[in-house]
Amino acid sequence: MDMVMKLGASSAVVIFSKSSCCISHTIETLIHSFGANPIVYELDTHPKGKQMEKALMELGCHPSVPAIFIGKELVGGANEIMGLNVRSKLKQLLIRANAIWV
């Protein structure tokens, strides 16, 4: 779990994903559309992907991907990110995390 938390805090936006997950791709595209450049860890191709996936599940991510950290905090999965976007709060969160500048 420590490894995931350290990786999640390593950049303004970090996404834990799987290359075959279309929802993960959609979330990545959404965050890119604001001008942010997230670090993306593809769990199905990462050497420690299985360990990271287990840690994400222990943190409460069900399903385990996508899992999004913004501003060194675990925001959650696709539902949380889409909810923030619908309420026009995602952009402000990205600005506060210094992921984008407006």
PDB file of N, CA and C in Angstrom:
ATOM      1  N   MET A   1       0.830  -1.195   0.000  1.00  0.00           N
ATOM      2  CA  MET A   1       0.000   0.000   0.000  1.00  0.00           C
ATOM      3  C   MET A   1       0.872   1.256   0.000  1.00  0.00           C
ATOM      4  N   ASP A   2       2.008   1.194   0.694  1.00  0.00           N
ATOM      5  CA  ASP A   2       2.906   2.346   0.740  1.00  0.00           C
ATOM      6  C   ASP A   2       3.396   2.732  -0.652  1.00  0.00           C
ATOM      7  N   MET A   3       3.702   1.718  -1.475  1.00  0.00           N
ATOM      8  CA  MET A   3       4.194   1.998  -2.817  1.00  0.00           C
ATOM      9  C   MET A   3       3.147   2.772  -3.624  1.00  0.00           C
ATOM     10  N   VAL A   4       1.895   2.359  -3.547  1.00  0.00           N
ATOM     11  CA  VAL A   4       0.827   3.034  -4.284  1.00  0.00           C
ATOM     12  C   VAL A   4       0.657   4.467  -3.783  1.00  0.00           C
ATOM     13  N   MET A   5       0.696   4.662  -2.487  1.00  0.00           N
ATOM     14  CA  MET A   5       0.544   6.008  -1.931  1.00  0.00           C
ATOM     15  C   MET A   5       1.706   6.905  -2.353  1.00  0.00           C
ATOM     16  N   LYS A   6       2.927   6.365  -2.364  1.00  0.00           N
ATOM     17  CA  LYS A   6       4.093   7.146  -2.797  1.00  0.00           C
ATOM     18  C   LYS A   6       3.990   7.501  -4.274  1.00  0.00           C
ATOM     19  N   LEU A   7       3.599   6.530  -5.091  1.00  0.00           N
ATOM     20  CA  LEU A   7       3.434   6.806  -6.521  1.00  0.00           C
ATOM     21  C   LEU A   7       2.308   7.810  -6.741  1.00  0.00           C
ATOM     22  N   GLY A   8       1.230   7.672  -5.985  1.00  0.00           N
ATOM     23  CA  GLY A   8       0.102   8.592  -6.109  1.00  0.00           C
ATOM     24  C   GLY A   8       0.459  10.016  -5.734  1.00  0.00           C
ATOM     25  N   ALA A   9       1.439  10.164  -4.869  1.00  0.00           N
ATOM     26  CA  ALA A   9       1.865  11.502  -4.434  1.00  0.00           C
ATOM     27  C   ALA A   9       3.029  12.045  -5.266  1.00  0.00           C
ATOM     28  N   SER A  10       3.455  11.296  -6.264  1.00  0.00           N
ATOM     29  CA  SER A  10       4.645  11.683  -7.031  1.00  0.00           C
ATOM     30  C   SER A  10       4.398  12.751  -8.086  1.00  0.00           C
ATOM     31  N   SER A  11       3.152  13.045  -8.379  1.00  0.00           N
ATOM     32  CA  SER A  11       2.824  14.023  -9.415  1.00  0.00           C
ATOM     33  C   SER A  11       1.454  14.636  -9.105  1.00  0.00           C
ATOM     34  N   ALA A  12       1.143  15.725  -9.785  1.00  0.00           N
ATOM     35  CA  ALA A  12      -0.138  16.397  -9.551  1.00  0.00           C
ATOM     36  C   ALA A  12      -1.326  15.493  -9.876  1.00  0.00           C
ATOM     37  N   VAL A  13      -1.193  14.674 -10.913  1.00  0.00           N
ATOM     38  CA  VAL A  13      -2.257  13.730 -11.284  1.00  0.00           C
ATOM     39  C   VAL A  13      -1.616  12.389 -11.614  1.00  0.00           C
ATOM     40  N   VAL A  14      -2.089  11.353 -10.957  1.00  0.00           N
ATOM     41  CA  VAL A  14      -1.608   9.994 -11.200  1.00  0.00           C
ATOM     42  C   VAL A  14      -2.823   9.096 -11.410  1.00  0.00           C
ATOM     43  N   ILE A  15      -2.761   8.305 -12.471  1.00  0.00           N
ATOM     44  CA  ILE A  15      -3.856   7.383 -12.785  1.00  0.00           C
ATOM     45  C   ILE A  15      -3.311   5.967 -12.797  1.00  0.00           C
ATOM     46  N   PHE A  16      -3.956   5.090 -12.050  1.00  0.00           N
ATOM     47  CA  PHE A  16      -3.671   3.667 -12.120  1.00  0.00           C
ATOM     48  C   PHE A  16      -4.726   3.070 -13.032  1.00  0.00           C
ATOM     49  N   SER A  17      -4.256   2.356 -14.059  1.00  0.00           N
ATOM     50  CA  SER A  17      -5.123   1.958 -15.153  1.00  0.00           C
ATOM     51  C   SER A  17      -4.766   0.545 -15.598  1.00  0.00           C
ATOM     52  N   LYS A  18      -5.506   0.063 -16.564  1.00  0.00           N
ATOM     53  CA  LYS A  18      -5.149  -1.147 -17.298  1.00  0.00           C
ATOM     54  C   LYS A  18      -5.311  -0.823 -18.774  1.00  0.00           C
ATOM     55  N   SER A  19      -4.384  -1.321 -19.576  1.00  0.00           N
ATOM     56  CA  SER A  19      -4.397  -0.981 -21.002  1.00  0.00           C
ATOM     57  C   SER A  19      -5.662  -1.456 -21.705  1.00  0.00           C
ATOM     58  N   SER A  20      -6.318  -2.469 -21.171  1.00  0.00           N
ATOM     59  CA  SER A  20      -7.523  -3.004 -21.804  1.00  0.00           C
ATOM     60  C   SER A  20      -8.816  -2.384 -21.271  1.00  0.00           C
ATOM     61  N   CYS A  21      -8.715  -1.436 -20.346  1.00  0.00           N
ATOM     62  CA  CYS A  21      -9.908  -0.878 -19.701  1.00  0.00           C
ATOM     63  C   CYS A  21     -10.367   0.390 -20.422  1.00  0.00           C
ATOM     64  N   CYS A  22     -11.525   0.320 -21.058  1.00  0.00           N
ATOM     65  CA  CYS A  22     -12.026   1.470 -21.813  1.00  0.00           C
ATOM     66  C   CYS A  22     -12.431   2.620 -20.882  1.00  0.00           C
ATOM     67  N   ILE A  23     -12.874   2.327 -19.677  1.00  0.00           N
ATOM     68  CA  ILE A  23     -13.232   3.382 -18.733  1.00  0.00           C
ATOM     69  C   ILE A  23     -11.973   4.129 -18.309  1.00  0.00           C
ATOM     70  N   SER A  24     -10.892   3.410 -18.075  1.00  0.00           N
ATOM     71  CA  SER A  24      -9.619   4.055 -17.736  1.00  0.00           C
ATOM     72  C   SER A  24      -9.191   4.995 -18.859  1.00  0.00           C
ATOM     73  N   HIS A  25      -9.316   4.536 -20.083  1.00  0.00           N
ATOM     74  CA  HIS A  25      -8.946   5.362 -21.232  1.00  0.00           C
ATOM     75  C   HIS A  25      -9.817   6.623 -21.289  1.00  0.00           C
ATOM     76  N   THR A  26     -11.095   6.483 -21.006  1.00  0.00           N
ATOM     77  CA  THR A  26     -12.009   7.620 -21.011  1.00  0.00           C
ATOM     78  C   THR A  26     -11.610   8.647 -19.949  1.00  0.00           C
ATOM     79  N   ILE A  27     -11.250   8.188 -18.759  1.00  0.00           N
ATOM     80  CA  ILE A  27     -10.836   9.092 -17.685  1.00  0.00           C
ATOM     81  C   ILE A  27      -9.533   9.794 -18.063  1.00  0.00           C
ATOM     82  N   GLU A  28      -8.594   9.059 -18.632  1.00  0.00           N
ATOM     83  CA  GLU A  28      -7.341   9.671 -19.086  1.00  0.00           C
ATOM     84  C   GLU A  28      -7.622  10.760 -20.120  1.00  0.00           C
ATOM     85  N   THR A  29      -8.501  10.470 -21.067  1.00  0.00           N
ATOM     86  CA  THR A  29      -8.850  11.436 -22.102  1.00  0.00           C
ATOM     87  C   THR A  29      -9.505  12.673 -21.496  1.00  0.00           C
ATOM     88  N   LEU A  30     -10.396  12.484 -20.539  1.00  0.00           N
ATOM     89  CA  LEU A  30     -11.053  13.603 -19.871  1.00  0.00           C
ATOM     90  C   LEU A  30     -10.027  14.497 -19.184  1.00  0.00           C
ATOM     91  N   ILE A  31      -9.122  13.907 -18.435  1.00  0.00           N
ATOM     92  CA  ILE A  31      -8.123  14.703 -17.716  1.00  0.00           C
ATOM     93  C   ILE A  31      -7.181  15.400 -18.690  1.00  0.00           C
ATOM     94  N   HIS A  32      -6.814  14.725 -19.762  1.00  0.00           N
ATOM     95  CA  HIS A  32      -5.990  15.369 -20.803  1.00  0.00           C
ATOM     96  C   HIS A  32      -6.734  16.548 -21.433  1.00  0.00           C
ATOM     97  N   SER A  33      -8.054  16.451 -21.547  1.00  0.00           N
ATOM     98  CA  SER A  33      -8.825  17.520 -22.200  1.00  0.00           C
ATOM     99  C   SER A  33      -8.750  18.839 -21.439  1.00  0.00           C
ATOM    100  N   PHE A  34      -8.421  18.790 -20.160  1.00  0.00           N
ATOM    101  CA  PHE A  34      -8.242  20.005 -19.363  1.00  0.00           C
ATOM    102  C   PHE A  34      -6.826  20.563 -19.501  1.00  0.00           C
ATOM    103  N   GLY A  35      -5.949  19.809 -20.146  1.00  0.00           N
ATOM    104  CA  GLY A  35      -4.570  20.244 -20.316  1.00  0.00           C
ATOM    105  C   GLY A  35      -3.609  19.631 -19.315  1.00  0.00           C
ATOM    106  N   ALA A  36      -4.091  18.730 -18.484  1.00  0.00           N
ATOM    107  CA  ALA A  36      -3.228  18.063 -17.505  1.00  0.00           C
ATOM    108  C   ALA A  36      -2.475  16.914 -18.175  1.00  0.00           C
ATOM    109  N   ASN A  37      -1.315  16.611 -17.647  1.00  0.00           N
ATOM    110  CA  ASN A  37      -0.501  15.498 -18.146  1.00  0.00           C
ATOM    111  C   ASN A  37      -0.266  14.507 -17.008  1.00  0.00           C
ATOM    112  N   PRO A  38      -1.215  13.604 -16.811  1.00  0.00           N
ATOM    113  CA  PRO A  38      -1.080  12.665 -15.703  1.00  0.00           C
ATOM    114  C   PRO A  38       0.008  11.632 -15.944  1.00  0.00           C
ATOM    115  N   ILE A  39       0.558  11.139 -14.860  1.00  0.00           N
ATOM    116  CA  ILE A  39       1.397   9.951 -14.930  1.00  0.00           C
ATOM    117  C   ILE A  39       0.438   8.770 -14.876  1.00  0.00           C
ATOM    118  N   VAL A  40       0.606   7.844 -15.796  1.00  0.00           N
ATOM    119  CA  VAL A  40      -0.301   6.697 -15.882  1.00  0.00           C
ATOM    120  C   VAL A  40       0.491   5.411 -15.643  1.00  0.00           C
ATOM    121  N   TYR A  41       0.027   4.618 -14.704  1.00  0.00           N
ATOM    122  CA  TYR A  41       0.610   3.315 -14.441  1.00  0.00           C
ATOM    123  C   TYR A  41      -0.368   2.260 -14.936  1.00  0.00           C
ATOM    124  N   GLU A  42       0.054   1.520 -15.963  1.00  0.00           N
ATOM    125  CA  GLU A  42      -0.763   0.442 -16.520  1.00  0.00           C
ATOM    126  C   GLU A  42      -0.465  -0.823 -15.715  1.00  0.00           C
ATOM    127  N   LEU A  43      -1.397  -1.231 -14.877  1.00  0.00           N
ATOM    128  CA  LEU A  43      -1.154  -2.333 -13.958  1.00  0.00           C
ATOM    129  C   LEU A  43      -0.950  -3.668 -14.664  1.00  0.00           C
ATOM    130  N   ASP A  44      -1.543  -3.834 -15.837  1.00  0.00           N
ATOM    131  CA  ASP A  44      -1.408  -5.113 -16.542  1.00  0.00           C
ATOM    132  C   ASP A  44      -0.060  -5.262 -17.245  1.00  0.00           C
ATOM    133  N   THR A  45       0.725  -4.180 -17.332  1.00  0.00           N
ATOM    134  CA  THR A  45       2.045  -4.265 -17.962  1.00  0.00           C
ATOM    135  C   THR A  45       3.173  -3.899 -16.995  1.00  0.00           C
ATOM    136  N   HIS A  46       2.843  -3.363 -15.844  1.00  0.00           N
ATOM    137  CA  HIS A  46       3.851  -2.972 -14.856  1.00  0.00           C
ATOM    138  C   HIS A  46       4.357  -4.212 -14.116  1.00  0.00           C
ATOM    139  N   PRO A  47       5.680  -4.308 -13.865  1.00  0.00           N
ATOM    140  CA  PRO A  47       6.220  -5.478 -13.167  1.00  0.00           C
ATOM    141  C   PRO A  47       5.593  -5.723 -11.788  1.00  0.00           C
ATOM    142  N   LYS A  48       5.178  -4.662 -11.105  1.00  0.00           N
ATOM    143  CA  LYS A  48       4.561  -4.812  -9.786  1.00  0.00           C
ATOM    144  C   LYS A  48       3.059  -4.519  -9.833  1.00  0.00           C
ATOM    145  N   GLY A  49       2.477  -4.689 -11.014  1.00  0.00           N
ATOM    146  CA  GLY A  49       1.069  -4.372 -11.221  1.00  0.00           C
ATOM    147  C   GLY A  49       0.113  -5.127 -10.315  1.00  0.00           C
ATOM    148  N   LYS A  50       0.358  -6.410 -10.120  1.00  0.00           N
ATOM    149  CA  LYS A  50      -0.533  -7.211  -9.264  1.00  0.00           C
ATOM    150  C   LYS A  50      -0.500  -6.711  -7.823  1.00  0.00           C
ATOM    151  N   GLN A  51       0.688  -6.363  -7.331  1.00  0.00           N
ATOM    152  CA  GLN A  51       0.819  -5.832  -5.972  1.00  0.00           C
ATOM    153  C   GLN A  51       0.100  -4.487  -5.862  1.00  0.00           C
ATOM    154  N   MET A  52       0.262  -3.645  -6.887  1.00  0.00           N
ATOM    155  CA  MET A  52      -0.389  -2.337  -6.864  1.00  0.00           C
ATOM    156  C   MET A  52      -1.904  -2.490  -6.907  1.00  0.00           C
ATOM    157  N   GLU A  53      -2.391  -3.424  -7.713  1.00  0.00           N
ATOM    158  CA  GLU A  53      -3.835  -3.646  -7.796  1.00  0.00           C
ATOM    159  C   GLU A  53      -4.399  -4.099  -6.450  1.00  0.00           C
ATOM    160  N   LYS A  54      -3.691  -4.995  -5.783  1.00  0.00           N
ATOM    161  CA  LYS A  54      -4.118  -5.457  -4.457  1.00  0.00           C
ATOM    162  C   LYS A  54      -4.151  -4.287  -3.474  1.00  0.00           C
ATOM    163  N   ALA A  55      -3.125  -3.437  -3.510  1.00  0.00           N
ATOM    164  CA  ALA A  55      -3.067  -2.279  -2.608  1.00  0.00           C
ATOM    165  C   ALA A  55      -4.212  -1.315  -2.875  1.00  0.00           C
ATOM    166  N   LEU A  56      -4.541  -1.082  -4.144  1.00  0.00           N
ATOM    167  CA  LEU A  56      -5.656  -0.191  -4.485  1.00  0.00           C
ATOM    168  C   LEU A  56      -6.969  -0.746  -3.943  1.00  0.00           C
ATOM    169  N   MET A  57      -7.136  -2.038  -4.032  1.00  0.00           N
ATOM    170  CA  MET A  57      -8.360  -2.650  -3.503  1.00  0.00           C
ATOM    171  C   MET A  57      -8.414  -2.504  -1.984  1.00  0.00           C
ATOM    172  N   GLU A  58      -7.268  -2.618  -1.328  1.00  0.00           N
ATOM    173  CA  GLU A  58      -7.213  -2.419   0.127  1.00  0.00           C
ATOM    174  C   GLU A  58      -7.544  -0.974   0.505  1.00  0.00           C
ATOM    175  N   LEU A  59      -7.265  -0.043  -0.414  1.00  0.00           N
ATOM    176  CA  LEU A  59      -7.594   1.366  -0.180  1.00  0.00           C
ATOM    177  C   LEU A  59      -9.066   1.672  -0.461  1.00  0.00           C
ATOM    178  N   GLY A  60      -9.788   0.672  -0.955  1.00  0.00           N
ATOM    179  CA  GLY A  60     -11.217   0.852  -1.193  1.00  0.00           C
ATOM    180  C   GLY A  60     -11.605   1.061  -2.634  1.00  0.00           C
ATOM    181  N   CYS A  61     -10.690   0.852  -3.541  1.00  0.00           N
ATOM    182  CA  CYS A  61     -10.998   1.002  -4.971  1.00  0.00           C
ATOM    183  C   CYS A  61     -11.603  -0.302  -5.496  1.00  0.00           C
ATOM    184  N   HIS A  62     -12.898  -0.274  -5.769  1.00  0.00           N
ATOM    185  CA  HIS A  62     -13.612  -1.429  -6.300  1.00  0.00           C
ATOM    186  C   HIS A  62     -14.482  -0.964  -7.444  1.00  0.00           C
ATOM    187  N   PRO A  63     -14.177  -1.219  -8.696  1.00  0.00           N
ATOM    188  CA  PRO A  63     -13.039  -1.988  -9.174  1.00  0.00           C
ATOM    189  C   PRO A  63     -11.724  -1.246  -8.927  1.00  0.00           C
ATOM    190  N   SER A  64     -10.626  -1.966  -9.111  1.00  0.00           N
ATOM    191  CA  SER A  64      -9.315  -1.400  -8.782  1.00  0.00           C
ATOM    192  C   SER A  64      -8.877  -0.311  -9.754  1.00  0.00           C
ATOM    193  N   VAL A  65      -9.349  -0.352 -10.978  1.00  0.00           N
ATOM    194  CA  VAL A  65      -8.997   0.675 -11.966  1.00  0.00           C
ATOM    195  C   VAL A  65     -10.245   1.210 -12.630  1.00  0.00           C
ATOM    196  N   PRO A  66     -10.232   2.449 -13.061  1.00  0.00           N
ATOM    197  CA  PRO A  66      -9.165   3.402 -12.823  1.00  0.00           C
ATOM    198  C   PRO A  66      -9.190   3.904 -11.377  1.00  0.00           C
ATOM    199  N   ALA A  67      -8.016   4.225 -10.867  1.00  0.00           N
ATOM    200  CA  ALA A  67      -7.879   4.863  -9.562  1.00  0.00           C
ATOM    201  C   ALA A  67      -7.088   6.144  -9.791  1.00  0.00           C
ATOM    202  N   ILE A  68      -7.627   7.263  -9.335  1.00  0.00           N
ATOM    203  CA  ILE A  68      -7.052   8.562  -9.664  1.00  0.00           C
ATOM    204  C   ILE A  68      -6.640   9.312  -8.406  1.00  0.00           C
ATOM    205  N   PHE A  69      -5.394   9.744  -8.409  1.00  0.00           N
ATOM    206  CA  PHE A  69      -4.870  10.624  -7.369  1.00  0.00           C
ATOM    207  C   PHE A  69      -4.743  12.016  -7.971  1.00  0.00           C
ATOM    208  N   ILE A  70      -5.263  13.009  -7.289  1.00  0.00           N
ATOM    209  CA  ILE A  70      -5.102  14.404  -7.706  1.00  0.00           C
ATOM    210  C   ILE A  70      -4.623  15.174  -6.484  1.00  0.00           C
ATOM    211  N   GLY A  71      -3.540  15.909  -6.661  1.00  0.00           N
ATOM    212  CA  GLY A  71      -2.998  16.673  -5.543  1.00  0.00           C
ATOM    213  C   GLY A  71      -2.567  15.790  -4.389  1.00  0.00           C
ATOM    214  N   LYS A  72      -1.985  14.640  -4.715  1.00  0.00           N
ATOM    215  CA  LYS A  72      -1.445  13.693  -3.733  1.00  0.00           C
ATOM    216  C   LYS A  72      -2.511  12.998  -2.888  1.00  0.00           C
ATOM    217  N   GLU A  73      -3.785  13.137  -3.273  1.00  0.00           N
ATOM    218  CA  GLU A  73      -4.887  12.505  -2.552  1.00  0.00           C
ATOM    219  C   GLU A  73      -5.612  11.537  -3.480  1.00  0.00           C
ATOM    220  N   LEU A  74      -6.017  10.400  -2.935  1.00  0.00           N
ATOM    221  CA  LEU A  74      -6.823   9.461  -3.710  1.00  0.00           C
ATOM    222  C   LEU A  74      -8.230  10.032  -3.842  1.00  0.00           C
ATOM    223  N   VAL A  75      -8.592  10.399  -5.067  1.00  0.00           N
ATOM    224  CA  VAL A  75      -9.930  10.944  -5.323  1.00  0.00           C
ATOM    225  C   VAL A  75     -10.923   9.804  -5.459  1.00  0.00           C
ATOM    226  N   GLY A  76     -10.501   8.726  -6.086  1.00  0.00           N
ATOM    227  CA  GLY A  76     -11.375   7.574  -6.269  1.00  0.00           C
ATOM    228  C   GLY A  76     -11.286   7.046  -7.679  1.00  0.00           C
ATOM    229  N   GLY A  77     -12.402   6.510  -8.144  1.00  0.00           N
ATOM    230  CA  GLY A  77     -12.454   5.903  -9.467  1.00  0.00           C
ATOM    231  C   GLY A  77     -13.213   6.747 -10.463  1.00  0.00           C
ATOM    232  N   ALA A  78     -13.690   6.078 -11.495  1.00  0.00           N
ATOM    233  CA  ALA A  78     -14.382   6.761 -12.587  1.00  0.00           C
ATOM    234  C   ALA A  78     -15.630   7.487 -12.103  1.00  0.00           C
ATOM    235  N   ASN A  79     -16.409   6.875 -11.220  1.00  0.00           N
ATOM    236  CA  ASN A  79     -17.642   7.518 -10.741  1.00  0.00           C
ATOM    237  C   ASN A  79     -17.349   8.838 -10.048  1.00  0.00           C
ATOM    238  N   GLU A  80     -16.313   8.867  -9.220  1.00  0.00           N
ATOM    239  CA  GLU A  80     -15.970  10.098  -8.509  1.00  0.00           C
ATOM    240  C   GLU A  80     -15.481  11.178  -9.468  1.00  0.00           C
ATOM    241  N   ILE A  81     -14.658  10.790 -10.431  1.00  0.00           N
ATOM    242  CA  ILE A  81     -14.139  11.772 -11.394  1.00  0.00           C
ATOM    243  C   ILE A  81     -15.266  12.312 -12.265  1.00  0.00           C
ATOM    244  N   MET A  82     -16.128  11.442 -12.750  1.00  0.00           N
ATOM    245  CA  MET A  82     -17.242  11.904 -13.589  1.00  0.00           C
ATOM    246  C   MET A  82     -18.199  12.778 -12.783  1.00  0.00           C
ATOM    247  N   GLY A  83     -18.427  12.426 -11.526  1.00  0.00           N
ATOM    248  CA  GLY A  83     -19.277  13.249 -10.664  1.00  0.00           C
ATOM    249  C   GLY A  83     -18.690  14.636 -10.467  1.00  0.00           C
ATOM    250  N   LEU A  84     -17.392  14.713 -10.229  1.00  0.00           N
ATOM    251  CA  LEU A  84     -16.738  16.020 -10.095  1.00  0.00           C
ATOM    252  C   LEU A  84     -16.871  16.822 -11.383  1.00  0.00           C
ATOM    253  N   ASN A  85     -16.707  16.152 -12.510  1.00  0.00           N
ATOM    254  CA  ASN A  85     -16.799  16.853 -13.790  1.00  0.00           C
ATOM    255  C   ASN A  85     -18.211  17.370 -14.041  1.00  0.00           C
ATOM    256  N   VAL A  86     -19.214  16.558 -13.766  1.00  0.00           N
ATOM    257  CA  VAL A  86     -20.608  16.968 -13.975  1.00  0.00           C
ATOM    258  C   VAL A  86     -20.949  18.179 -13.102  1.00  0.00           C
ATOM    259  N   ARG A  87     -20.388  18.207 -11.895  1.00  0.00           N
ATOM    260  CA  ARG A  87     -20.643  19.328 -10.979  1.00  0.00           C
ATOM    261  C   ARG A  87     -19.675  20.493 -11.198  1.00  0.00           C
ATOM    262  N   SER A  88     -18.895  20.430 -12.285  1.00  0.00           N
ATOM    263  CA  SER A  88     -17.915  21.473 -12.637  1.00  0.00           C
ATOM    264  C   SER A  88     -16.885  21.706 -11.536  1.00  0.00           C
ATOM    265  N   LYS A  89     -16.492  20.647 -10.854  1.00  0.00           N
ATOM    266  CA  LYS A  89     -15.505  20.765  -9.786  1.00  0.00           C
ATOM    267  C   LYS A  89     -14.164  20.139 -10.134  1.00  0.00           C
ATOM    268  N   LEU A  90     -14.120  19.365 -11.204  1.00  0.00           N
ATOM    269  CA  LEU A  90     -12.878  18.697 -11.576  1.00  0.00           C
ATOM    270  C   LEU A  90     -11.815  19.708 -11.993  1.00  0.00           C
ATOM    271  N   LYS A  91     -12.190  20.679 -12.791  1.00  0.00           N
ATOM    272  CA  LYS A  91     -11.222  21.684 -13.247  1.00  0.00           C
ATOM    273  C   LYS A  91     -10.606  22.420 -12.058  1.00  0.00           C
ATOM    274  N   GLN A  92     -11.427  22.814 -11.094  1.00  0.00           N
ATOM    275  CA  GLN A  92     -10.915  23.521  -9.922  1.00  0.00           C
ATOM    276  C   GLN A  92      -9.977  22.633  -9.110  1.00  0.00           C
ATOM    277  N   LEU A  93     -10.285  21.357  -9.012  1.00  0.00           N
ATOM    278  CA  LEU A  93      -9.421  20.429  -8.295  1.00  0.00           C
ATOM    279  C   LEU A  93      -8.067  20.312  -9.002  1.00  0.00           C
ATOM    280  N   LEU A  94      -8.091  20.257 -10.322  1.00  0.00           N
ATOM    281  CA  LEU A  94      -6.847  20.187 -11.095  1.00  0.00           C
ATOM    282  C   LEU A  94      -6.028  21.475 -10.942  1.00  0.00           C
ATOM    283  N   ILE A  95      -6.705  22.610 -10.890  1.00  0.00           N
ATOM    284  CA  ILE A  95      -6.004  23.891 -10.695  1.00  0.00           C
ATOM    285  C   ILE A  95      -5.358  23.925  -9.311  1.00  0.00           C
ATOM    286  N   ARG A  96      -6.099  23.553  -8.287  1.00  0.00           N
ATOM    287  CA  ARG A  96      -5.556  23.556  -6.912  1.00  0.00           C
ATOM    288  C   ARG A  96      -4.369  22.611  -6.772  1.00  0.00           C
ATOM    289  N   ALA A  97      -4.356  21.540  -7.551  1.00  0.00           N
ATOM    290  CA  ALA A  97      -3.259  20.574  -7.496  1.00  0.00           C
ATOM    291  C   ALA A  97      -2.069  21.004  -8.360  1.00  0.00           C
ATOM    292  N   ASN A  98      -2.191  22.166  -9.017  1.00  0.00           N
ATOM    293  CA  ASN A  98      -1.167  22.665  -9.946  1.00  0.00           C
ATOM    294  C   ASN A  98      -0.944  21.732 -11.126  1.00  0.00           C
ATOM    295  N   ALA A  99      -2.005  21.034 -11.499  1.00  0.00           N
ATOM    296  CA  ALA A  99      -1.938  20.158 -12.668  1.00  0.00           C
ATOM    297  C   ALA A  99      -2.191  20.942 -13.944  1.00  0.00           C
ATOM    298  N   ILE A 100      -2.950  22.035 -13.810  1.00  0.00           N
ATOM    299  CA  ILE A 100      -3.222  22.930 -14.937  1.00  0.00           C
ATOM    300  C   ILE A 100      -3.158  24.368 -14.445  1.00  0.00           C
ATOM    301  N   TRP A 101      -2.953  25.271 -15.371  1.00  0.00           N
ATOM    302  CA  TRP A 101      -2.951  26.694 -15.060  1.00  0.00           C
ATOM    303  C   TRP A 101      -3.946  27.362 -15.988  1.00  0.00           C
ATOM    304  N   VAL A 102      -4.738  28.256 -15.445  1.00  0.00           N
ATOM    305  CA  VAL A 102      -5.745  28.936 -16.271  1.00  0.00           C
ATOM    306  C   VAL A 102      -5.549  30.424 -16.168  1.00  0.00           C
TER     307      VAL A 102
END
